């Protein structure tokens, strides 16, 4: 019984951590985090990474963080036996 409670506690902690990471990515991707990589529209030429503007790389990288968070939550937190 104690092992089940410990596993449930770990899943809840991981769920809270993943929720925090997802919210951070949701804010930093399309939100004010864009101003960290593109501070002014009057800037000269935008930086590039592999020929892609850094602004797009920024947004896509945060998308991958969100996608990885959902996949990890699906595999570790949202178990099939749960029907609360």
PDB file of N, CA and C in Angstrom:
ATOM      1  N   UNK A   1       0.819  -1.192   0.000  1.00  0.00           N
ATOM      2  CA  UNK A   1       0.000   0.000   0.000  1.00  0.00           C
ATOM      3  C   UNK A   1       0.864   1.258   0.000  1.00  0.00           C
ATOM      4  N   UNK A   2       1.962   1.215   0.740  1.00  0.00           N
ATOM      5  CA  UNK A   2       2.835   2.380   0.806  1.00  0.00           C
ATOM      6  C   UNK A   2       3.529   2.621  -0.531  1.00  0.00           C
ATOM      7  N   UNK A   3       3.823   1.540  -1.252  1.00  0.00           N
ATOM      8  CA  UNK A   3       4.460   1.698  -2.563  1.00  0.00           C
ATOM      9  C   UNK A   3       3.510   2.359  -3.563  1.00  0.00           C
ATOM     10  N   UNK A   4       2.242   2.019  -3.476  1.00  0.00           N
ATOM     11  CA  UNK A   4       1.252   2.621  -4.378  1.00  0.00           C
ATOM     12  C   UNK A   4       1.117   4.109  -4.080  1.00  0.00           C
ATOM     13  N   UNK A   5       1.083   4.459  -2.814  1.00  0.00           N
ATOM     14  CA  UNK A   5       0.982   5.875  -2.435  1.00  0.00           C
ATOM     15  C   UNK A   5       2.231   6.645  -2.850  1.00  0.00           C
ATOM     16  N   UNK A   6       3.395   6.025  -2.719  1.00  0.00           N
ATOM     17  CA  UNK A   6       4.642   6.684  -3.123  1.00  0.00           C
ATOM     18  C   UNK A   6       4.667   6.892  -4.636  1.00  0.00           C
ATOM     19  N   UNK A   7       4.234   5.898  -5.392  1.00  0.00           N
ATOM     20  CA  UNK A   7       4.186   6.042  -6.854  1.00  0.00           C
ATOM     21  C   UNK A   7       3.202   7.131  -7.257  1.00  0.00           C
ATOM     22  N   UNK A   8       2.071   7.191  -6.580  1.00  0.00           N
ATOM     23  CA  UNK A   8       1.072   8.236  -6.865  1.00  0.00           C
ATOM     24  C   UNK A   8       1.632   9.622  -6.536  1.00  0.00           C
ATOM     25  N   UNK A   9       2.355   9.726  -5.452  1.00  0.00           N
ATOM     26  CA  UNK A   9       2.968  11.002  -5.061  1.00  0.00           C
ATOM     27  C   UNK A   9       3.999  11.450  -6.106  1.00  0.00           C
ATOM     28  N   UNK A  10       4.798  10.501  -6.596  1.00  0.00           N
ATOM     29  CA  UNK A  10       5.790  10.828  -7.620  1.00  0.00           C
ATOM     30  C   UNK A  10       5.117  11.268  -8.920  1.00  0.00           C
ATOM     31  N   UNK A  11       4.027  10.586  -9.295  1.00  0.00           N
ATOM     32  CA  UNK A  11       3.300  10.973 -10.506  1.00  0.00           C
ATOM     33  C   UNK A  11       2.705  12.363 -10.378  1.00  0.00           C
ATOM     34  N   UNK A  12       2.159  12.682  -9.222  1.00  0.00           N
ATOM     35  CA  UNK A  12       1.592  14.022  -9.025  1.00  0.00           C
ATOM     36  C   UNK A  12       2.676  15.094  -9.072  1.00  0.00           C
ATOM     37  N   UNK A  13       3.813  14.817  -8.471  1.00  0.00           N
ATOM     38  CA  UNK A  13       4.932  15.767  -8.488  1.00  0.00           C
ATOM     39  C   UNK A  13       5.429  15.980  -9.915  1.00  0.00           C
ATOM     40  N   UNK A  14       5.558  14.890 -10.664  1.00  0.00           N
ATOM     41  CA  UNK A  14       5.970  14.999 -12.061  1.00  0.00           C
ATOM     42  C   UNK A  14       4.918  15.756 -12.868  1.00  0.00           C
ATOM     43  N   UNK A  15       3.658  15.513 -12.583  1.00  0.00           N
ATOM     44  CA  UNK A  15       2.587  16.227 -13.275  1.00  0.00           C
ATOM     45  C   UNK A  15       2.642  17.721 -13.020  1.00  0.00           C
ATOM     46  N   UNK A  16       2.897  18.106 -11.788  1.00  0.00           N
ATOM     47  CA  UNK A  16       3.011  19.537 -11.472  1.00  0.00           C
ATOM     48  C   UNK A  16       4.221  20.157 -12.155  1.00  0.00           C
ATOM     49  N   UNK A  17       5.340  19.437 -12.157  1.00  0.00           N
ATOM     50  CA  UNK A  17       6.542  19.930 -12.825  1.00  0.00           C
ATOM     51  C   UNK A  17       6.299  20.099 -14.325  1.00  0.00           C
ATOM     52  N   UNK A  18       5.673  19.107 -14.935  1.00  0.00           N
ATOM     53  CA  UNK A  18       5.387  19.199 -16.365  1.00  0.00           C
ATOM     54  C   UNK A  18       4.400  20.318 -16.677  1.00  0.00           C
ATOM     55  N   UNK A  19       3.429  20.524 -15.808  1.00  0.00           N
ATOM     56  CA  UNK A  19       2.495  21.634 -16.010  1.00  0.00           C
ATOM     57  C   UNK A  19       3.230  22.969 -15.951  1.00  0.00           C
ATOM     58  N   UNK A  20       4.153  23.094 -15.013  1.00  0.00           N
ATOM     59  CA  UNK A  20       4.947  24.323 -14.916  1.00  0.00           C
ATOM     60  C   UNK A  20       5.817  24.543 -16.142  1.00  0.00           C
ATOM     61  N   UNK A  21       6.447  23.475 -16.633  1.00  0.00           N
ATOM     62  CA  UNK A  21       7.280  23.584 -17.830  1.00  0.00           C
ATOM     63  C   UNK A  21       6.425  23.957 -19.034  1.00  0.00           C
ATOM     64  N   UNK A  22       5.240  23.352 -19.143  1.00  0.00           N
ATOM     65  CA  UNK A  22       4.359  23.651 -20.267  1.00  0.00           C
ATOM     66  C   UNK A  22       3.894  25.104 -20.230  1.00  0.00           C
ATOM     67  N   UNK A  23       3.524  25.595 -19.067  1.00  0.00           N
ATOM     68  CA  UNK A  23       3.092  26.990 -18.949  1.00  0.00           C
ATOM     69  C   UNK A  23       4.244  27.935 -19.259  1.00  0.00           C
ATOM     70  N   UNK A  24       5.436  27.613 -18.790  1.00  0.00           N
ATOM     71  CA  UNK A  24       6.610  28.433 -19.119  1.00  0.00           C
ATOM     72  C   UNK A  24       6.837  28.469 -20.627  1.00  0.00           C
ATOM     73  N   UNK A  25       6.754  27.315 -21.283  1.00  0.00           N
ATOM     74  CA  UNK A  25       6.944  27.263 -22.734  1.00  0.00           C
ATOM     75  C   UNK A  25       5.831  28.008 -23.459  1.00  0.00           C
ATOM     76  N   UNK A  26       4.624  27.932 -22.925  1.00  0.00           N
ATOM     77  CA  UNK A  26       3.492  28.636 -23.531  1.00  0.00           C
ATOM     78  C   UNK A  26       3.681  30.143 -23.464  1.00  0.00           C
ATOM     79  N   UNK A  27       4.278  30.615 -22.388  1.00  0.00           N
ATOM     80  CA  UNK A  27       4.514  32.060 -22.238  1.00  0.00           C
ATOM     81  C   UNK A  27       5.749  32.493 -23.026  1.00  0.00           C
ATOM     82  N   UNK A  28       6.822  31.732 -22.941  1.00  0.00           N
ATOM     83  CA  UNK A  28       8.081  32.149 -23.553  1.00  0.00           C
ATOM     84  C   UNK A  28       8.090  31.982 -25.073  1.00  0.00           C
ATOM     85  N   UNK A  29       7.364  31.019 -25.599  1.00  0.00           N
ATOM     86  CA  UNK A  29       7.368  30.792 -27.045  1.00  0.00           C
ATOM     87  C   UNK A  29       6.782  31.955 -27.818  1.00  0.00           C
ATOM     88  N   UNK A  30       5.480  32.158 -27.768  1.00  0.00           N
ATOM     89  CA  UNK A  30       4.885  33.241 -28.545  1.00  0.00           C
ATOM     90  C   UNK A  30       4.737  34.546 -27.770  1.00  0.00           C
ATOM     91  N   UNK A  31       5.019  34.542 -26.505  1.00  0.00           N
ATOM     92  CA  UNK A  31       4.763  35.713 -25.666  1.00  0.00           C
ATOM     93  C   UNK A  31       5.949  36.636 -25.528  1.00  0.00           C
ATOM     94  N   UNK A  32       6.183  37.118 -24.311  1.00  0.00           N
ATOM     95  CA  UNK A  32       7.248  38.093 -24.095  1.00  0.00           C
ATOM     96  C   UNK A  32       8.647  37.540 -24.336  1.00  0.00           C
ATOM     97  N   UNK A  33       8.787  36.237 -24.411  1.00  0.00           N
ATOM     98  CA  UNK A  33      10.097  35.663 -24.695  1.00  0.00           C
ATOM     99  C   UNK A  33      10.612  36.028 -26.073  1.00  0.00           C
ATOM    100  N   UNK A  34       9.703  36.359 -26.986  1.00  0.00           N
ATOM    101  CA  UNK A  34      10.118  36.758 -28.334  1.00  0.00           C
ATOM    102  C   UNK A  34      10.971  38.011 -28.272  1.00  0.00           C
ATOM    103  N   UNK A  35      10.683  38.888 -27.328  1.00  0.00           N
ATOM    104  CA  UNK A  35      11.457  40.128 -27.222  1.00  0.00           C
ATOM    105  C   UNK A  35      12.893  39.884 -26.764  1.00  0.00           C
ATOM    106  N   UNK A  36      13.184  38.705 -26.246  1.00  0.00           N
ATOM    107  CA  UNK A  36      14.561  38.373 -25.892  1.00  0.00           C
ATOM    108  C   UNK A  36      15.415  38.142 -27.134  1.00  0.00           C
ATOM    109  N   UNK A  37      14.798  37.599 -28.183  1.00  0.00           N
ATOM    110  CA  UNK A  37      15.557  37.325 -29.396  1.00  0.00           C
ATOM    111  C   UNK A  37      15.318  38.358 -30.492  1.00  0.00           C
ATOM    112  N   UNK A  38      14.246  39.123 -30.391  1.00  0.00           N
ATOM    113  CA  UNK A  38      13.936  40.141 -31.392  1.00  0.00           C
ATOM    114  C   UNK A  38      13.511  41.416 -30.667  1.00  0.00           C
ATOM    115  N   UNK A  39      14.463  42.144 -30.086  1.00  0.00           N
ATOM    116  CA  UNK A  39      14.106  43.262 -29.216  1.00  0.00           C
ATOM    117  C   UNK A  39      13.464  44.444 -29.923  1.00  0.00           C
ATOM    118  N   UNK A  40      13.754  44.650 -31.190  1.00  0.00           N
ATOM    119  CA  UNK A  40      13.257  45.846 -31.863  1.00  0.00           C
ATOM    120  C   UNK A  40      12.970  45.551 -33.323  1.00  0.00           C
ATOM    121  N   UNK A  41      11.848  46.030 -33.826  1.00  0.00           N
ATOM    122  CA  UNK A  41      11.583  45.830 -35.250  1.00  0.00           C
ATOM    123  C   UNK A  41      12.505  46.678 -36.127  1.00  0.00           C
ATOM    124  N   UNK A  42      13.182  47.664 -35.536  1.00  0.00           N
ATOM    125  CA  UNK A  42      14.091  48.524 -36.283  1.00  0.00           C
ATOM    126  C   UNK A  42      15.492  47.936 -36.401  1.00  0.00           C
ATOM    127  N   UNK A  43      15.709  46.754 -35.857  1.00  0.00           N
ATOM    128  CA  UNK A  43      17.029  46.130 -35.918  1.00  0.00           C
ATOM    129  C   UNK A  43      17.393  45.856 -37.373  1.00  0.00           C
ATOM    130  N   UNK A  44      18.674  45.792 -37.645  1.00  0.00           N
ATOM    131  CA  UNK A  44      19.146  45.595 -39.027  1.00  0.00           C
ATOM    132  C   UNK A  44      18.679  44.244 -39.556  1.00  0.00           C
ATOM    133  N   UNK A  45      19.555  43.403 -39.935  1.00  0.00           N
ATOM    134  CA  UNK A  45      19.189  42.074 -40.427  1.00  0.00           C
ATOM    135  C   UNK A  45      19.029  41.129 -39.242  1.00  0.00           C
ATOM    136  N   UNK A  46      17.997  40.288 -39.262  1.00  0.00           N
ATOM    137  CA  UNK A  46      17.822  39.344 -38.148  1.00  0.00           C
ATOM    138  C   UNK A  46      18.907  38.278 -38.174  1.00  0.00           C
ATOM    139  N   UNK A  47      19.235  37.796 -36.996  1.00  0.00           N
ATOM    140  CA  UNK A  47      20.200  36.706 -36.891  1.00  0.00           C
ATOM    141  C   UNK A  47      19.601  35.460 -37.525  1.00  0.00           C
ATOM    142  N   UNK A  48      20.444  34.571 -37.953  1.00  0.00           N
ATOM    143  CA  UNK A  48      19.957  33.316 -38.517  1.00  0.00           C
ATOM    144  C   UNK A  48      20.674  32.146 -37.868  1.00  0.00           C
ATOM    145  N   UNK A  49      19.983  31.032 -37.840  1.00  0.00           N
ATOM    146  CA  UNK A  49      20.543  29.760 -37.395  1.00  0.00           C
ATOM    147  C   UNK A  49      20.267  28.773 -38.517  1.00  0.00           C
ATOM    148  N   UNK A  50      21.320  28.299 -39.160  1.00  0.00           N
ATOM    149  CA  UNK A  50      21.206  27.410 -40.316  1.00  0.00           C
ATOM    150  C   UNK A  50      20.341  28.039 -41.410  1.00  0.00           C
ATOM    151  N   UNK A  51      20.413  29.341 -41.557  1.00  0.00           N
ATOM    152  CA  UNK A  51      19.669  30.044 -42.584  1.00  0.00           C
ATOM    153  C   UNK A  51      18.234  30.375 -42.214  1.00  0.00           C
ATOM    154  N   UNK A  52      17.807  30.003 -41.023  1.00  0.00           N
ATOM    155  CA  UNK A  52      16.445  30.276 -40.563  1.00  0.00           C
ATOM    156  C   UNK A  52      16.512  31.434 -39.580  1.00  0.00           C
ATOM    157  N   UNK A  53      15.614  32.422 -39.701  1.00  0.00           N
ATOM    158  CA  UNK A  53      15.632  33.532 -38.740  1.00  0.00           C
ATOM    159  C   UNK A  53      15.489  33.028 -37.303  1.00  0.00           C
ATOM    160  N   UNK A  54      16.237  33.632 -36.412  1.00  0.00           N
ATOM    161  CA  UNK A  54      16.286  33.175 -35.022  1.00  0.00           C
ATOM    162  C   UNK A  54      14.914  33.246 -34.359  1.00  0.00           C
ATOM    163  N   UNK A  55      14.071  34.145 -34.801  1.00  0.00           N
ATOM    164  CA  UNK A  55      12.726  34.243 -34.229  1.00  0.00           C
ATOM    165  C   UNK A  55      11.931  32.970 -34.483  1.00  0.00           C
ATOM    166  N   UNK A  56      12.049  32.413 -35.680  1.00  0.00           N
ATOM    167  CA  UNK A  56      11.356  31.162 -35.985  1.00  0.00           C
ATOM    168  C   UNK A  56      11.957  30.003 -35.200  1.00  0.00           C
ATOM    169  N   UNK A  57      13.263  29.979 -35.097  1.00  0.00           N
ATOM    170  CA  UNK A  57      13.926  28.922 -34.325  1.00  0.00           C
ATOM    171  C   UNK A  57      13.471  28.977 -32.869  1.00  0.00           C
ATOM    172  N   UNK A  58      13.354  30.190 -32.336  1.00  0.00           N
ATOM    173  CA  UNK A  58      12.895  30.384 -30.960  1.00  0.00           C
ATOM    174  C   UNK A  58      11.497  29.788 -30.762  1.00  0.00           C
ATOM    175  N   UNK A  59      10.570  30.152 -31.629  1.00  0.00           N
ATOM    176  CA  UNK A  59       9.192  29.675 -31.489  1.00  0.00           C
ATOM    177  C   UNK A  59       9.102  28.161 -31.689  1.00  0.00           C
ATOM    178  N   UNK A  60       9.792  27.632 -32.672  1.00  0.00           N
ATOM    179  CA  UNK A  60       9.740  26.193 -32.941  1.00  0.00           C
ATOM    180  C   UNK A  60      10.390  25.398 -31.814  1.00  0.00           C
ATOM    181  N   UNK A  61      11.458  25.911 -31.240  1.00  0.00           N
ATOM    182  CA  UNK A  61      12.096  25.187 -30.137  1.00  0.00           C
ATOM    183  C   UNK A  61      11.167  25.106 -28.927  1.00  0.00           C
ATOM    184  N   UNK A  62      10.428  26.170 -28.641  1.00  0.00           N
ATOM    185  CA  UNK A  62       9.476  26.108 -27.539  1.00  0.00           C
ATOM    186  C   UNK A  62       8.312  25.185 -27.875  1.00  0.00           C
ATOM    187  N   UNK A  63       7.944  25.094 -29.152  1.00  0.00           N
ATOM    188  CA  UNK A  63       6.929  24.126 -29.550  1.00  0.00           C
ATOM    189  C   UNK A  63       7.404  22.714 -29.234  1.00  0.00           C
ATOM    190  N   UNK A  64       8.664  22.406 -29.528  1.00  0.00           N
ATOM    191  CA  UNK A  64       9.186  21.074 -29.232  1.00  0.00           C
ATOM    192  C   UNK A  64       9.234  20.807 -27.729  1.00  0.00           C
ATOM    193  N   UNK A  65       9.495  21.838 -26.940  1.00  0.00           N
ATOM    194  CA  UNK A  65       9.438  21.667 -25.477  1.00  0.00           C
ATOM    195  C   UNK A  65       8.017  21.301 -25.055  1.00  0.00           C
ATOM    196  N   UNK A  66       7.018  21.996 -25.615  1.00  0.00           N
ATOM    197  CA  UNK A  66       5.620  21.686 -25.289  1.00  0.00           C
ATOM    198  C   UNK A  66       5.247  20.274 -25.744  1.00  0.00           C
ATOM    199  N   UNK A  67       5.666  19.894 -26.939  1.00  0.00           N
ATOM    200  CA  UNK A  67       5.350  18.561 -27.447  1.00  0.00           C
ATOM    201  C   UNK A  67       6.006  17.476 -26.589  1.00  0.00           C
ATOM    202  N   UNK A  68       7.250  17.684 -26.204  1.00  0.00           N
ATOM    203  CA  UNK A  68       7.932  16.706 -25.343  1.00  0.00           C
ATOM    204  C   UNK A  68       7.258  16.608 -23.981  1.00  0.00           C
ATOM    205  N   UNK A  69       6.768  17.728 -23.476  1.00  0.00           N
ATOM    206  CA  UNK A  69       6.061  17.726 -22.195  1.00  0.00           C
ATOM    207  C   UNK A  69       4.787  16.907 -22.280  1.00  0.00           C
ATOM    208  N   UNK A  70       4.036  17.076 -23.357  1.00  0.00           N
ATOM    209  CA  UNK A  70       2.793  16.313 -23.526  1.00  0.00           C
ATOM    210  C   UNK A  70       3.088  14.830 -23.681  1.00  0.00           C
ATOM    211  N   UNK A  71       4.101  14.488 -24.455  1.00  0.00           N
ATOM    212  CA  UNK A  71       4.450  13.074 -24.644  1.00  0.00           C
ATOM    213  C   UNK A  71       4.907  12.460 -23.328  1.00  0.00           C
ATOM    214  N   UNK A  72       5.718  13.173 -22.571  1.00  0.00           N
ATOM    215  CA  UNK A  72       6.178  12.659 -21.277  1.00  0.00           C
ATOM    216  C   UNK A  72       5.012  12.506 -20.301  1.00  0.00           C
ATOM    217  N   UNK A  73       4.107  13.458 -20.298  1.00  0.00           N
ATOM    218  CA  UNK A  73       2.931  13.343 -19.428  1.00  0.00           C
ATOM    219  C   UNK A  73       2.072  12.153 -19.846  1.00  0.00           C
ATOM    220  N   UNK A  74       1.923  11.944 -21.136  1.00  0.00           N
ATOM    221  CA  UNK A  74       1.136  10.814 -21.629  1.00  0.00           C
ATOM    222  C   UNK A  74       1.763   9.488 -21.208  1.00  0.00           C
ATOM    223  N   UNK A  75       3.091   9.409 -21.281  1.00  0.00           N
ATOM    224  CA  UNK A  75       3.763   8.151 -20.977  1.00  0.00           C
ATOM    225  C   UNK A  75       3.915   7.893 -19.477  1.00  0.00           C
ATOM    226  N   UNK A  76       4.051   8.956 -18.660  1.00  0.00           N
ATOM    227  CA  UNK A  76       4.388   8.764 -17.250  1.00  0.00           C
ATOM    228  C   UNK A  76       3.284   9.190 -16.271  1.00  0.00           C
ATOM    229  N   UNK A  77       2.482  10.173 -16.637  1.00  0.00           N
ATOM    230  CA  UNK A  77       1.520  10.718 -15.669  1.00  0.00           C
ATOM    231  C   UNK A  77       0.109  10.234 -15.946  1.00  0.00           C
ATOM    232  N   UNK A  78      -0.325  10.310 -17.190  1.00  0.00           N
ATOM    233  CA  UNK A  78      -1.690   9.913 -17.546  1.00  0.00           C
ATOM    234  C   UNK A  78      -1.716   8.430 -17.857  1.00  0.00           C
ATOM    235  N   UNK A  79      -1.916   7.612 -16.849  1.00  0.00           N
ATOM    236  CA  UNK A  79      -1.896   6.175 -17.029  1.00  0.00           C
ATOM    237  C   UNK A  79      -3.280   5.656 -17.412  1.00  0.00           C
ATOM    238  N   UNK A  80      -3.328   4.520 -18.112  1.00  0.00           N
ATOM    239  CA  UNK A  80      -4.579   3.962 -18.630  1.00  0.00           C
ATOM    240  C   UNK A  80      -5.541   3.553 -17.517  1.00  0.00           C
ATOM    241  N   UNK A  81      -5.020   3.135 -16.367  1.00  0.00           N
ATOM    242  CA  UNK A  81      -5.865   2.680 -15.286  1.00  0.00           C
ATOM    243  C   UNK A  81      -6.539   3.800 -14.505  1.00  0.00           C
ATOM    244  N   UNK A  82      -6.193   5.031 -14.796  1.00  0.00           N
ATOM    245  CA  UNK A  82      -6.769   6.170 -14.078  1.00  0.00           C
ATOM    246  C   UNK A  82      -8.120   6.528 -14.650  1.00  0.00           C
ATOM    247  N   UNK A  83      -9.119   6.562 -13.811  1.00  0.00           N
ATOM    248  CA  UNK A  83     -10.439   7.063 -14.215  1.00  0.00           C
ATOM    249  C   UNK A  83     -11.042   7.750 -13.006  1.00  0.00           C
ATOM    250  N   UNK A  84     -10.487   8.914 -12.684  1.00  0.00           N
ATOM    251  CA  UNK A  84     -10.934   9.647 -11.495  1.00  0.00           C
ATOM    252  C   UNK A  84     -12.291  10.234 -11.670  1.00  0.00           C
TER     253      UNK A  84
END
